[in-house]
N, C-alpha and C. Protein backbone atom coordinates (compact mmCIF):
# COMPACT_ATOMS: atom_id res chain seq x y z
N MET A 1 5.27 -5.49 -90.37
CA MET A 1 4.24 -5.51 -91.27
C MET A 1 3.98 -7.12 -91.12
N VAL A 2 2.62 -8.04 -90.13
CA VAL A 2 2.38 -9.16 -90.08
C VAL A 2 1.68 -9.18 -91.05
N GLY A 3 0.59 -8.42 -91.70
CA GLY A 3 -0.23 -9.26 -92.26
C GLY A 3 -1.62 -9.93 -91.91
N THR A 4 -2.25 -11.35 -92.57
CA THR A 4 -2.85 -11.76 -92.05
C THR A 4 -3.04 -12.40 -90.96
N VAL A 5 -2.90 -13.48 -89.35
CA VAL A 5 -1.58 -14.18 -88.90
C VAL A 5 -2.52 -15.70 -90.02
N ILE A 6 -1.86 -16.13 -89.94
CA ILE A 6 -2.22 -17.79 -90.09
C ILE A 6 -1.86 -18.75 -89.07
N TYR A 7 -0.71 -18.84 -88.34
CA TYR A 7 -0.26 -19.68 -87.35
C TYR A 7 0.15 -18.93 -86.35
N LYS A 8 0.26 -18.33 -84.77
CA LYS A 8 0.92 -18.57 -84.10
C LYS A 8 0.94 -19.57 -82.65
N ALA A 9 2.06 -19.93 -82.14
CA ALA A 9 2.12 -21.27 -81.18
C ALA A 9 3.31 -20.04 -80.10
N HIS A 10 2.99 -20.37 -78.65
CA HIS A 10 4.51 -20.42 -78.31
C HIS A 10 4.86 -21.65 -77.44
N PRO A 11 5.68 -21.27 -76.51
CA PRO A 11 6.21 -23.65 -76.48
C PRO A 11 5.13 -23.54 -75.16
N ALA A 12 5.46 -25.08 -74.93
CA ALA A 12 4.55 -25.75 -74.21
C ALA A 12 5.07 -25.60 -73.19
N MET A 13 4.40 -25.89 -72.18
CA MET A 13 5.36 -26.42 -69.92
C MET A 13 4.54 -27.65 -69.90
N PHE A 14 4.02 -28.66 -69.84
CA PHE A 14 3.84 -29.20 -69.53
C PHE A 14 4.44 -30.96 -70.29
N ARG A 15 3.54 -30.45 -71.66
CA ARG A 15 3.80 -31.24 -72.75
C ARG A 15 5.38 -31.23 -73.00
N ALA A 16 6.46 -30.33 -73.42
CA ALA A 16 7.11 -29.67 -73.11
C ALA A 16 8.02 -31.47 -71.47
N HIS A 17 7.62 -30.94 -70.80
CA HIS A 17 8.63 -31.64 -69.63
C HIS A 17 7.44 -31.52 -68.52
N PRO A 18 6.70 -32.55 -68.87
CA PRO A 18 5.75 -33.38 -67.94
C PRO A 18 6.73 -33.33 -66.29
N PHE A 19 7.90 -34.03 -66.52
CA PHE A 19 8.58 -34.76 -65.22
C PHE A 19 9.17 -33.09 -65.08
N TRP A 20 8.59 -32.28 -65.28
CA TRP A 20 10.14 -31.08 -64.11
C TRP A 20 8.75 -30.16 -63.38
N PHE A 21 7.71 -30.40 -64.91
CA PHE A 21 5.61 -29.91 -63.85
C PHE A 21 5.53 -30.62 -62.70
N ILE A 22 5.37 -31.62 -63.32
CA ILE A 22 4.81 -32.17 -61.81
C ILE A 22 5.96 -31.77 -60.30
N PHE A 23 7.38 -31.24 -60.72
CA PHE A 23 8.43 -31.80 -59.41
C PHE A 23 7.36 -30.68 -58.62
N PHE A 24 7.61 -29.20 -60.15
CA PHE A 24 7.41 -28.19 -59.07
C PHE A 24 6.24 -28.05 -58.75
N VAL A 25 5.18 -29.05 -58.84
CA VAL A 25 3.50 -28.78 -58.08
C VAL A 25 4.30 -29.20 -57.04
N LEU A 26 5.06 -30.10 -57.12
CA LEU A 26 5.71 -31.04 -55.48
C LEU A 26 5.64 -30.05 -54.84
N LEU A 27 6.60 -29.51 -55.67
CA LEU A 27 7.61 -28.47 -54.91
C LEU A 27 7.05 -26.97 -53.49
N ILE A 28 5.42 -26.88 -54.54
CA ILE A 28 3.95 -26.25 -54.71
C ILE A 28 4.02 -26.79 -52.35
N ALA A 29 3.28 -27.72 -52.67
CA ALA A 29 4.08 -28.23 -51.29
C ALA A 29 4.54 -28.36 -50.54
N ALA A 30 6.08 -28.29 -50.61
CA ALA A 30 7.35 -28.63 -49.62
C ALA A 30 7.44 -27.93 -49.48
N PHE A 31 7.69 -26.57 -50.35
CA PHE A 31 8.64 -25.45 -49.91
C PHE A 31 7.88 -23.87 -50.13
N GLY A 32 6.83 -24.21 -51.28
CA GLY A 32 6.08 -23.27 -51.27
C GLY A 32 6.95 -21.36 -52.59
N ILE A 33 8.38 -22.83 -53.43
CA ILE A 33 8.84 -21.67 -54.36
C ILE A 33 9.15 -22.34 -55.34
N GLY A 34 8.23 -24.02 -55.86
CA GLY A 34 7.76 -24.65 -57.12
C GLY A 34 6.25 -23.61 -57.22
N LEU A 35 6.24 -22.49 -57.31
CA LEU A 35 4.79 -21.86 -57.30
C LEU A 35 5.78 -20.73 -57.95
N LEU A 36 6.84 -19.86 -57.34
CA LEU A 36 7.50 -18.86 -57.93
C LEU A 36 8.58 -19.22 -59.08
N ILE A 37 8.44 -20.66 -58.90
CA ILE A 37 9.43 -21.50 -59.91
C ILE A 37 7.77 -21.73 -61.35
N LEU A 38 7.14 -21.56 -61.82
CA LEU A 38 6.31 -22.04 -62.05
C LEU A 38 5.61 -20.85 -62.78
N LEU A 39 5.96 -19.48 -61.69
CA LEU A 39 4.76 -18.68 -62.69
C LEU A 39 5.67 -18.15 -63.17
N TYR A 40 7.37 -18.16 -63.18
CA TYR A 40 8.34 -17.88 -64.43
C TYR A 40 8.49 -18.33 -65.79
N TRP A 41 8.01 -19.56 -65.33
CA TRP A 41 8.56 -20.96 -67.05
C TRP A 41 7.24 -19.93 -67.17
N TYR A 42 5.72 -19.78 -66.28
CA TYR A 42 4.59 -19.37 -67.11
C TYR A 42 4.81 -18.52 -68.50
N VAL A 43 5.66 -17.25 -67.68
CA VAL A 43 5.28 -15.96 -67.72
C VAL A 43 6.89 -16.42 -69.03
N LYS A 44 7.76 -17.18 -69.22
CA LYS A 44 9.09 -17.18 -70.21
C LYS A 44 7.95 -18.00 -71.46
N THR A 45 6.44 -19.05 -71.39
CA THR A 45 6.39 -19.43 -72.56
C THR A 45 5.30 -17.89 -73.09
N ARG A 46 5.02 -17.38 -72.51
CA ARG A 46 3.88 -16.53 -72.89
C ARG A 46 5.06 -15.42 -74.01
N ALA A 47 6.33 -15.18 -73.10
CA ALA A 47 7.07 -14.35 -73.48
C ALA A 47 7.21 -14.94 -75.41
N THR A 48 7.39 -15.79 -75.30
CA THR A 48 8.23 -16.37 -76.63
C THR A 48 6.87 -16.84 -76.96
N ALA A 49 7.58 -16.81 -78.41
CA ALA A 49 5.60 -16.72 -80.03
C ALA A 49 6.79 -16.73 -81.80
N LEU A 50 6.02 -18.05 -81.39
CA LEU A 50 5.74 -17.71 -83.45
C LEU A 50 4.69 -17.66 -83.93
N THR A 51 4.76 -16.08 -84.86
CA THR A 51 3.97 -16.03 -85.58
C THR A 51 4.06 -16.59 -87.45
N VAL A 52 3.11 -16.95 -87.87
CA VAL A 52 3.02 -17.53 -89.83
C VAL A 52 1.91 -16.30 -89.66
N SER A 53 3.04 -16.11 -90.66
CA SER A 53 1.36 -14.70 -91.31
C SER A 53 1.77 -14.54 -92.29
N ASP A 54 0.84 -14.34 -93.16
CA ASP A 54 1.10 -14.54 -94.99
C ASP A 54 2.17 -13.65 -96.33
N HIS A 55 3.65 -13.16 -95.08
CA HIS A 55 4.19 -12.34 -95.27
C HIS A 55 5.77 -12.66 -95.08
N GLU A 56 5.26 -13.01 -92.95
CA GLU A 56 6.65 -13.47 -92.70
C GLU A 56 6.62 -13.96 -91.73
N LEU A 57 7.57 -14.66 -90.88
CA LEU A 57 7.90 -15.51 -89.77
C LEU A 57 8.51 -14.36 -88.92
N LEU A 58 7.19 -14.66 -87.84
CA LEU A 58 7.74 -13.60 -86.01
C LEU A 58 8.30 -14.26 -85.48
N TYR A 59 9.98 -13.87 -84.59
CA TYR A 59 9.69 -15.11 -84.02
C TYR A 59 10.04 -14.01 -82.32
N GLU A 60 8.78 -13.65 -81.37
CA GLU A 60 9.44 -13.13 -80.77
C GLU A 60 10.33 -13.62 -79.36
N GLN A 61 11.00 -12.48 -78.58
CA GLN A 61 11.17 -14.04 -76.95
C GLN A 61 11.83 -12.90 -76.21
N GLY A 62 11.09 -12.94 -75.35
CA GLY A 62 11.93 -11.87 -73.92
C GLY A 62 10.79 -11.69 -73.27
N ILE A 63 10.91 -11.37 -71.67
CA ILE A 63 10.21 -11.34 -70.74
C ILE A 63 10.33 -9.68 -70.08
N LEU A 64 10.87 -8.85 -70.11
CA LEU A 64 11.74 -7.18 -69.67
C LEU A 64 11.76 -6.57 -71.36
N SER A 65 13.32 -7.24 -71.33
CA SER A 65 13.25 -7.01 -72.86
C SER A 65 12.83 -7.82 -74.49
N LYS A 66 12.30 -7.52 -75.38
CA LYS A 66 12.13 -7.67 -76.75
C LYS A 66 12.96 -7.72 -77.06
N GLU A 67 13.74 -9.60 -78.01
CA GLU A 67 13.94 -9.48 -79.42
C GLU A 67 13.09 -9.98 -80.38
N ARG A 68 13.16 -9.85 -81.65
CA ARG A 68 12.09 -10.08 -82.62
C ARG A 68 13.45 -9.90 -83.23
N LEU A 69 12.26 -11.54 -84.47
CA LEU A 69 13.60 -11.56 -85.56
C LEU A 69 11.79 -12.17 -86.81
N ALA A 70 12.28 -11.08 -87.39
CA ALA A 70 10.98 -10.79 -89.11
C ALA A 70 12.12 -12.09 -90.04
N VAL A 71 12.02 -12.56 -90.53
CA VAL A 71 12.00 -13.13 -92.06
C VAL A 71 11.25 -13.32 -92.26
N SER A 72 11.28 -12.85 -93.88
CA SER A 72 10.66 -12.70 -95.16
C SER A 72 10.28 -14.02 -95.91
N LEU A 73 8.63 -14.88 -95.84
CA LEU A 73 8.24 -16.28 -96.37
C LEU A 73 9.21 -16.84 -97.57
N ARG A 74 9.45 -15.30 -98.34
CA ARG A 74 10.58 -15.86 -99.17
C ARG A 74 11.57 -16.16 -99.72
N HIS A 75 11.68 -16.29 -98.31
CA HIS A 75 13.94 -15.95 -98.02
C HIS A 75 13.96 -17.55 -97.55
N VAL A 76 12.87 -17.82 -96.70
CA VAL A 76 12.82 -19.65 -96.21
C VAL A 76 13.24 -20.35 -96.89
N ARG A 77 13.56 -20.73 -96.53
CA ARG A 77 14.41 -22.14 -97.34
C ARG A 77 13.99 -22.99 -97.65
N SER A 78 14.53 -23.55 -95.33
CA SER A 78 13.08 -25.19 -95.73
C SER A 78 13.26 -24.37 -93.25
N VAL A 79 12.83 -25.38 -93.51
CA VAL A 79 11.68 -25.47 -91.76
C VAL A 79 11.90 -27.25 -91.37
N GLN A 80 13.14 -27.44 -90.86
CA GLN A 80 13.53 -28.51 -89.98
C GLN A 80 12.74 -29.12 -88.88
N VAL A 81 12.33 -30.17 -88.35
CA VAL A 81 11.14 -30.27 -87.35
C VAL A 81 12.46 -31.22 -86.95
N ASN A 82 12.50 -31.38 -85.44
CA ASN A 82 12.87 -32.10 -84.50
C ASN A 82 12.51 -32.95 -83.72
N GLN A 83 12.19 -33.93 -83.36
CA GLN A 83 11.23 -34.96 -82.46
C GLN A 83 12.05 -36.14 -82.26
N SER A 84 12.60 -35.68 -80.36
CA SER A 84 13.04 -36.94 -79.70
C SER A 84 12.34 -38.36 -79.73
N PHE A 85 11.98 -39.19 -80.32
CA PHE A 85 10.85 -40.39 -78.75
C PHE A 85 9.70 -40.01 -78.63
N VAL A 86 10.65 -39.84 -76.79
CA VAL A 86 9.31 -38.63 -76.18
C VAL A 86 8.48 -37.74 -76.36
N ASN A 87 9.08 -36.32 -77.17
CA ASN A 87 8.72 -35.25 -77.96
C ASN A 87 7.46 -35.80 -78.85
N ARG A 88 7.67 -36.43 -79.80
CA ARG A 88 6.77 -37.19 -80.61
C ARG A 88 5.38 -37.87 -79.53
N ILE A 89 5.61 -38.45 -78.63
CA ILE A 89 4.47 -39.20 -77.58
C ILE A 89 3.66 -38.22 -77.38
N LEU A 90 4.33 -37.13 -76.73
CA LEU A 90 4.38 -35.63 -76.01
C LEU A 90 3.50 -34.68 -77.09
N GLY A 91 3.81 -34.67 -78.38
CA GLY A 91 3.55 -33.73 -79.50
C GLY A 91 3.86 -32.52 -79.60
N VAL A 92 4.97 -32.47 -79.30
CA VAL A 92 5.82 -31.49 -79.20
C VAL A 92 6.97 -31.52 -79.64
N GLY A 93 8.27 -30.26 -80.57
CA GLY A 93 9.03 -30.46 -81.18
C GLY A 93 9.70 -29.33 -80.63
N GLU A 94 10.94 -29.09 -81.65
CA GLU A 94 11.95 -27.98 -82.04
C GLU A 94 11.40 -27.75 -83.22
N ILE A 95 11.34 -26.93 -84.00
CA ILE A 95 11.17 -25.47 -85.38
C ILE A 95 12.78 -25.01 -85.36
N GLU A 96 13.14 -25.45 -87.26
CA GLU A 96 14.14 -24.33 -87.04
C GLU A 96 14.30 -24.18 -88.41
N ILE A 97 14.79 -23.15 -88.38
CA ILE A 97 13.95 -22.13 -89.85
C ILE A 97 15.44 -21.33 -89.97
N LYS A 98 15.12 -22.22 -91.61
CA LYS A 98 16.97 -21.83 -92.33
C LYS A 98 16.93 -21.07 -93.57
N THR A 99 17.30 -20.20 -93.71
CA THR A 99 17.60 -19.32 -94.96
C THR A 99 18.69 -19.32 -95.86
N ALA A 100 19.05 -18.20 -96.40
CA ALA A 100 20.14 -18.66 -97.27
C ALA A 100 21.29 -19.10 -96.09
N GLY A 101 22.17 -20.60 -96.87
CA GLY A 101 23.09 -20.65 -95.86
C GLY A 101 23.15 -22.20 -94.38
N ASP A 102 24.33 -22.58 -93.82
CA ASP A 102 23.63 -23.50 -93.35
C ASP A 102 23.43 -23.36 -92.27
N GLU A 103 23.78 -22.11 -91.79
CA GLU A 103 22.71 -22.35 -90.25
C GLU A 103 21.81 -22.34 -89.66
N PRO A 104 20.91 -22.56 -88.96
CA PRO A 104 20.01 -22.39 -88.59
C PRO A 104 19.78 -20.75 -87.95
N GLU A 105 18.29 -19.96 -89.60
CA GLU A 105 18.25 -18.41 -89.10
C GLU A 105 18.16 -18.18 -87.23
N PHE A 106 16.49 -18.62 -86.89
CA PHE A 106 16.12 -18.54 -85.22
C PHE A 106 15.55 -20.67 -84.99
N THR A 107 15.78 -20.93 -83.93
CA THR A 107 15.44 -21.88 -83.73
C THR A 107 14.39 -22.08 -82.51
N VAL A 108 13.08 -22.37 -82.44
CA VAL A 108 12.05 -22.78 -81.17
C VAL A 108 12.13 -23.91 -80.77
N ARG A 109 12.48 -23.99 -79.16
CA ARG A 109 11.72 -25.32 -78.87
C ARG A 109 10.91 -25.99 -78.29
N ASP A 110 10.68 -26.23 -77.80
CA ASP A 110 8.96 -27.58 -77.38
C ASP A 110 7.50 -26.59 -77.72
N LEU A 111 7.59 -26.16 -79.01
CA LEU A 111 6.41 -25.83 -79.92
C LEU A 111 5.63 -27.24 -79.94
N PRO A 112 4.35 -26.88 -78.96
CA PRO A 112 3.26 -28.45 -79.65
C PRO A 112 2.98 -28.44 -80.76
N ASP A 113 2.88 -29.24 -81.20
CA ASP A 113 2.54 -30.01 -82.37
C ASP A 113 2.84 -28.89 -83.72
N PRO A 114 4.61 -29.52 -84.16
CA PRO A 114 5.55 -28.73 -85.24
C PRO A 114 5.19 -28.85 -86.35
N HIS A 115 4.82 -30.38 -86.95
CA HIS A 115 3.56 -29.93 -88.07
C HIS A 115 3.09 -29.71 -88.48
N GLN A 116 2.72 -28.70 -87.57
CA GLN A 116 1.26 -27.78 -87.84
C GLN A 116 2.17 -26.70 -88.51
N VAL A 117 2.99 -26.40 -87.79
CA VAL A 117 3.55 -25.50 -88.38
C VAL A 117 4.25 -25.38 -89.20
N ARG A 118 5.15 -25.87 -89.94
CA ARG A 118 5.57 -26.21 -91.48
C ARG A 118 4.68 -26.41 -91.70
N GLU A 119 3.44 -27.23 -91.79
CA GLU A 119 3.02 -27.02 -92.74
C GLU A 119 1.98 -25.74 -92.74
N ALA A 120 1.83 -24.80 -91.91
CA ALA A 120 1.19 -23.04 -92.02
C ALA A 120 1.93 -22.47 -92.45
N ILE A 121 3.76 -22.59 -92.59
CA ILE A 121 4.06 -21.69 -93.20
C ILE A 121 4.43 -22.33 -94.65
N SER A 122 5.12 -23.67 -94.77
CA SER A 122 3.86 -24.58 -96.23
C SER A 122 2.72 -23.73 -97.15
N ARG A 123 1.58 -23.97 -96.33
CA ARG A 123 0.97 -22.61 -96.93
C ARG A 123 0.82 -21.31 -97.35
N ALA A 124 1.49 -20.97 -95.97
CA ALA A 124 1.66 -19.15 -96.67
C ALA A 124 2.56 -18.65 -97.58
N GLN A 125 4.13 -20.05 -97.19
CA GLN A 125 3.64 -19.64 -99.44
C GLN A 125 3.69 -19.48 -100.67
N GLU A 126 2.82 -20.68 -100.46
CA GLU A 126 2.08 -21.24 -101.38
C GLU A 126 0.62 -19.82 -101.56
N MET A 127 0.46 -19.49 -101.01
CA MET A 127 -0.87 -18.08 -100.48
C MET A 127 -0.09 -17.13 -101.25
N ARG A 128 1.16 -17.57 -101.12
CA ARG A 128 2.47 -15.73 -101.69
C ARG A 128 2.03 -16.40 -103.54
N LEU A 129 2.65 -17.47 -103.65
CA LEU A 129 3.28 -17.76 -105.01
C LEU A 129 1.84 -17.83 -105.78
N ASP A 130 0.39 -17.35 -104.90
CA ASP A 130 -0.20 -17.74 -106.12
C ASP A 130 -1.27 -15.49 -106.44
N ASP A 131 -0.17 -14.98 -105.87
CA ASP A 131 -0.92 -14.02 -105.41
C ASP A 131 0.07 -13.14 -106.81
């Protein structure tokens, strides 16, 4: 049950790894293999998504086979945003969703605007409390 989607994000390509992106673009001109790498990378980022709805968080990952993990907003205890200095400049980061226990339930890397994701989760939890 996804419900009303509040926020949906896919990992970023260029913003997360600009030097690799440029390198692979240069490989297109040099050997043509860069196009295959960029195409695979693009499909992989589109096949990974974090969706925040009014009831749950849904993390989907996989190209040919799919892995889906749904966590009820009631069970989310903390949302940790990790950003290096370069990540902060480029506006990307890593999100760790924690429920009961010390280990994160799941981690999503290279998300654009990770603080926006954290705020969307907080808004969704507040909406559930208002109901």
